[in-house]
Amino acid sequence: MRKSAVLLALMTTTVLTGCYHYPIPAPCPAIAQATVVSVTVARDYTAQVGTLHLKACQGGVCKESDLELFAGSDSIDQGCTPEGGCSATASPNGTRLGMLMLDSLTEELMDLTATGTAPDGSALPVRTLEFRPRGAYPFGEHCGRFITASVNLDANGLRQSDPE
């Protein structure tokens, strides 16, 4: 009996100190990365854009398509309850968003060309950009690296989006 009590105390101490010294990382979200180039048309430029066509080339492979543009929005924090439930709502911000689906996406240099038409049918200026998609660990290194390719389009042309 005495040996059992000592053994139980030793195992409990080992388990408790083991947890203290070796924290378990937070679980990874069950989401897949989308291999896309996303374009945000600036609020003050949306009235000049009727259609938008995007061509992206990376590693000798090019993909292009007309983009479906949809209304952009900002997330407005609605706060959290004492029980820990949090919420947010979307508020239109005047931008328009489009995405070009790719077969793959790496951190290798990418050449991007945007063309399109104004609402009156006239051609928009051809805009080009060479940039490097960004890699990050938004959910921790144990969850893997996510690569994003996001650009902004305005009257001055294309530019890589700032990291958030």
Protein backbone atom coordinates (compact mmCIF):
# COMPACT_ATOMS: atom_id res chain seq x y z
CA MET A 1 0.00 0.00 0.00
CA ARG A 2 2.77 2.37 0.95
CA LYS A 3 4.65 1.70 -2.29
CA SER A 4 1.46 2.43 -4.26
CA ALA A 5 0.99 5.79 -2.52
CA VAL A 6 4.62 6.80 -3.15
CA LEU A 7 4.36 5.70 -6.78
CA LEU A 8 1.10 7.65 -7.24
CA ALA A 9 2.63 10.78 -5.69
CA LEU A 10 5.72 10.46 -7.89
CA MET A 11 3.63 10.00 -11.07
CA THR A 12 1.39 12.96 -10.22
CA THR A 13 4.38 15.21 -9.58
CA THR A 14 6.02 14.09 -12.82
CA VAL A 15 2.87 14.69 -14.86
CA LEU A 16 2.23 18.12 -13.34
CA THR A 17 5.82 19.33 -13.74
CA GLY A 18 5.94 17.81 -17.23
CA CYS A 19 2.98 19.96 -18.28
CA TYR A 20 4.55 23.02 -16.74
CA HIS A 21 7.85 22.62 -18.56
CA TYR A 22 6.43 21.47 -21.89
CA PRO A 23 3.44 23.60 -22.89
CA ILE A 24 1.22 22.24 -25.60
CA PRO A 25 0.87 24.67 -28.53
CA ALA A 26 -2.58 25.98 -29.41
CA PRO A 27 -4.36 23.87 -32.02
CA CYS A 28 -4.15 24.96 -35.65
CA PRO A 29 -7.32 26.15 -37.40
CA ALA A 30 -8.75 23.68 -39.88
CA ILE A 31 -8.47 25.96 -42.91
CA ALA A 32 -6.65 25.61 -46.20
CA GLN A 33 -4.68 28.38 -47.83
CA ALA A 34 -6.19 29.83 -50.98
CA THR A 35 -3.67 30.20 -53.81
CA VAL A 36 -4.86 33.53 -55.15
CA VAL A 37 -3.71 37.00 -56.05
CA SER A 38 -6.13 39.43 -54.44
CA VAL A 39 -6.68 42.95 -55.78
CA THR A 40 -8.25 45.80 -53.85
CA VAL A 41 -9.47 48.68 -56.02
CA ALA A 42 -9.13 51.88 -53.98
CA ARG A 43 -12.30 53.70 -52.92
CA ASP A 44 -11.40 56.82 -54.93
CA TYR A 45 -10.72 54.75 -58.08
CA THR A 46 -13.71 52.37 -58.14
CA ALA A 47 -15.90 54.74 -60.18
CA GLN A 48 -13.30 54.62 -62.98
CA VAL A 49 -13.20 50.79 -63.16
CA GLY A 50 -15.89 48.92 -65.09
CA THR A 51 -14.05 45.63 -65.70
CA LEU A 52 -10.69 44.33 -64.54
CA HIS A 53 -8.48 41.67 -66.13
CA LEU A 54 -5.45 40.30 -64.29
CA LYS A 55 -2.47 38.28 -65.52
CA ALA A 56 -0.03 36.80 -62.99
CA CYS A 57 3.22 35.06 -63.95
CA GLN A 58 5.42 33.21 -61.48
CA GLY A 59 8.11 30.63 -62.13
CA GLY A 60 7.43 30.64 -65.88
CA VAL A 61 3.73 29.84 -65.41
CA CYS A 62 1.08 32.46 -66.20
CA LYS A 63 -2.59 32.57 -65.38
CA GLU A 64 -5.07 35.25 -66.37
CA SER A 65 -8.75 35.98 -66.14
CA ASP A 66 -11.38 38.68 -65.92
CA LEU A 67 -12.05 39.32 -62.25
CA GLU A 68 -15.42 39.43 -60.59
CA LEU A 69 -15.35 42.54 -58.42
CA PHE A 70 -17.36 42.64 -55.23
CA ALA A 71 -17.84 45.24 -52.52
CA GLY A 72 -15.09 45.53 -49.92
CA SER A 73 -15.76 45.99 -46.22
CA ASP A 74 -14.13 46.65 -42.88
CA SER A 75 -14.71 44.51 -39.80
CA ILE A 76 -16.23 46.49 -36.95
CA ASP A 77 -15.56 45.03 -33.51
CA GLN A 78 -18.78 44.42 -31.59
CA GLY A 79 -16.97 43.52 -28.37
CA CYS A 80 -17.00 40.44 -26.22
CA THR A 81 -19.44 39.10 -23.66
CA PRO A 82 -18.38 38.20 -20.12
CA GLU A 83 -18.80 34.54 -21.16
CA GLY A 84 -16.05 34.98 -23.77
CA GLY A 85 -18.10 35.18 -26.97
CA CYS A 86 -16.89 37.89 -29.34
CA SER A 87 -18.41 39.26 -32.53
CA ALA A 88 -17.86 41.68 -35.37
CA THR A 89 -19.89 43.03 -38.24
CA ALA A 90 -18.95 44.03 -41.79
CA SER A 91 -19.31 47.64 -42.91
CA PRO A 92 -18.95 48.56 -46.60
CA ASN A 93 -15.84 50.72 -47.14
CA GLY A 94 -16.23 51.76 -50.80
CA THR A 95 -13.47 49.52 -52.17
CA ARG A 96 -13.95 46.66 -54.62
CA LEU A 97 -12.17 43.32 -54.38
CA GLY A 98 -11.26 40.69 -56.92
CA MET A 99 -9.26 37.44 -56.88
CA LEU A 100 -7.33 35.50 -59.48
CA MET A 101 -7.13 31.80 -58.62
CA LEU A 102 -3.68 30.24 -59.18
CA ASP A 103 -2.57 26.62 -59.36
CA SER A 104 0.27 27.34 -56.93
CA LEU A 105 1.77 30.29 -55.05
CA THR A 106 5.34 30.67 -53.79
CA GLU A 107 7.51 33.48 -52.46
CA GLU A 108 9.24 33.68 -55.85
CA LEU A 109 8.99 36.97 -57.78
CA MET A 110 5.65 37.50 -59.52
CA ASP A 111 4.88 39.68 -62.53
CA LEU A 112 1.40 41.14 -62.50
CA THR A 113 -0.43 43.00 -65.28
CA ALA A 114 -3.81 44.65 -64.79
CA THR A 115 -5.93 45.83 -67.71
CA GLY A 116 -9.59 46.64 -68.01
CA THR A 117 -12.21 49.07 -69.11
CA ALA A 118 -13.88 52.11 -67.62
CA PRO A 119 -17.68 52.11 -67.25
CA ASP A 120 -17.94 53.97 -70.61
CA GLY A 121 -16.02 51.14 -72.34
CA SER A 122 -12.73 53.02 -72.78
CA ALA A 123 -9.51 51.19 -71.90
CA LEU A 124 -7.92 51.65 -68.50
CA PRO A 125 -4.17 52.28 -68.45
CA VAL A 126 -2.13 49.05 -68.42
CA ARG A 127 -0.60 48.63 -64.97
CA THR A 128 2.29 46.30 -64.15
CA LEU A 129 4.07 45.30 -60.98
CA GLU A 130 6.88 42.93 -60.08
CA PHE A 131 6.68 41.87 -56.44
CA ARG A 132 7.43 39.04 -54.08
CA PRO A 133 4.45 37.39 -52.29
CA ARG A 134 4.85 37.38 -48.51
CA GLY A 135 5.09 34.40 -46.21
CA ALA A 136 4.03 34.48 -42.57
CA TYR A 137 2.95 32.26 -39.69
CA PRO A 138 -0.38 33.84 -38.66
CA PHE A 139 -1.31 30.88 -36.44
CA GLY A 140 2.18 30.07 -35.13
CA GLU A 141 5.10 28.23 -36.70
CA HIS A 142 3.66 24.86 -35.71
CA CYS A 143 0.68 25.52 -38.04
CA GLY A 144 2.72 26.13 -41.19
CA ARG A 145 3.60 29.08 -43.39
CA PHE A 146 0.89 30.95 -45.27
CA ILE A 147 1.85 32.84 -48.45
CA THR A 148 -0.18 35.84 -49.59
CA ALA A 149 -0.15 37.88 -52.79
CA SER A 150 -2.21 41.03 -52.30
CA VAL A 151 -2.08 44.25 -54.29
CA ASN A 152 -3.87 47.57 -54.40
CA LEU A 153 -4.97 49.35 -57.58
CA ASP A 154 -5.55 53.08 -57.72
CA ALA A 155 -5.10 55.95 -60.22
CA ASN A 156 -1.32 55.75 -59.71
CA GLY A 157 -1.11 52.04 -60.56
CA LEU A 158 -0.51 48.74 -58.76
CA ARG A 159 1.39 48.38 -55.50
CA GLN A 160 1.84 45.53 -53.05
CA SER A 161 -0.51 45.71 -50.07
CA ASP A 162 1.02 46.49 -46.72
CA PRO A 163 1.19 43.53 -44.33
CA GLU A 164 -1.43 43.62 -41.61
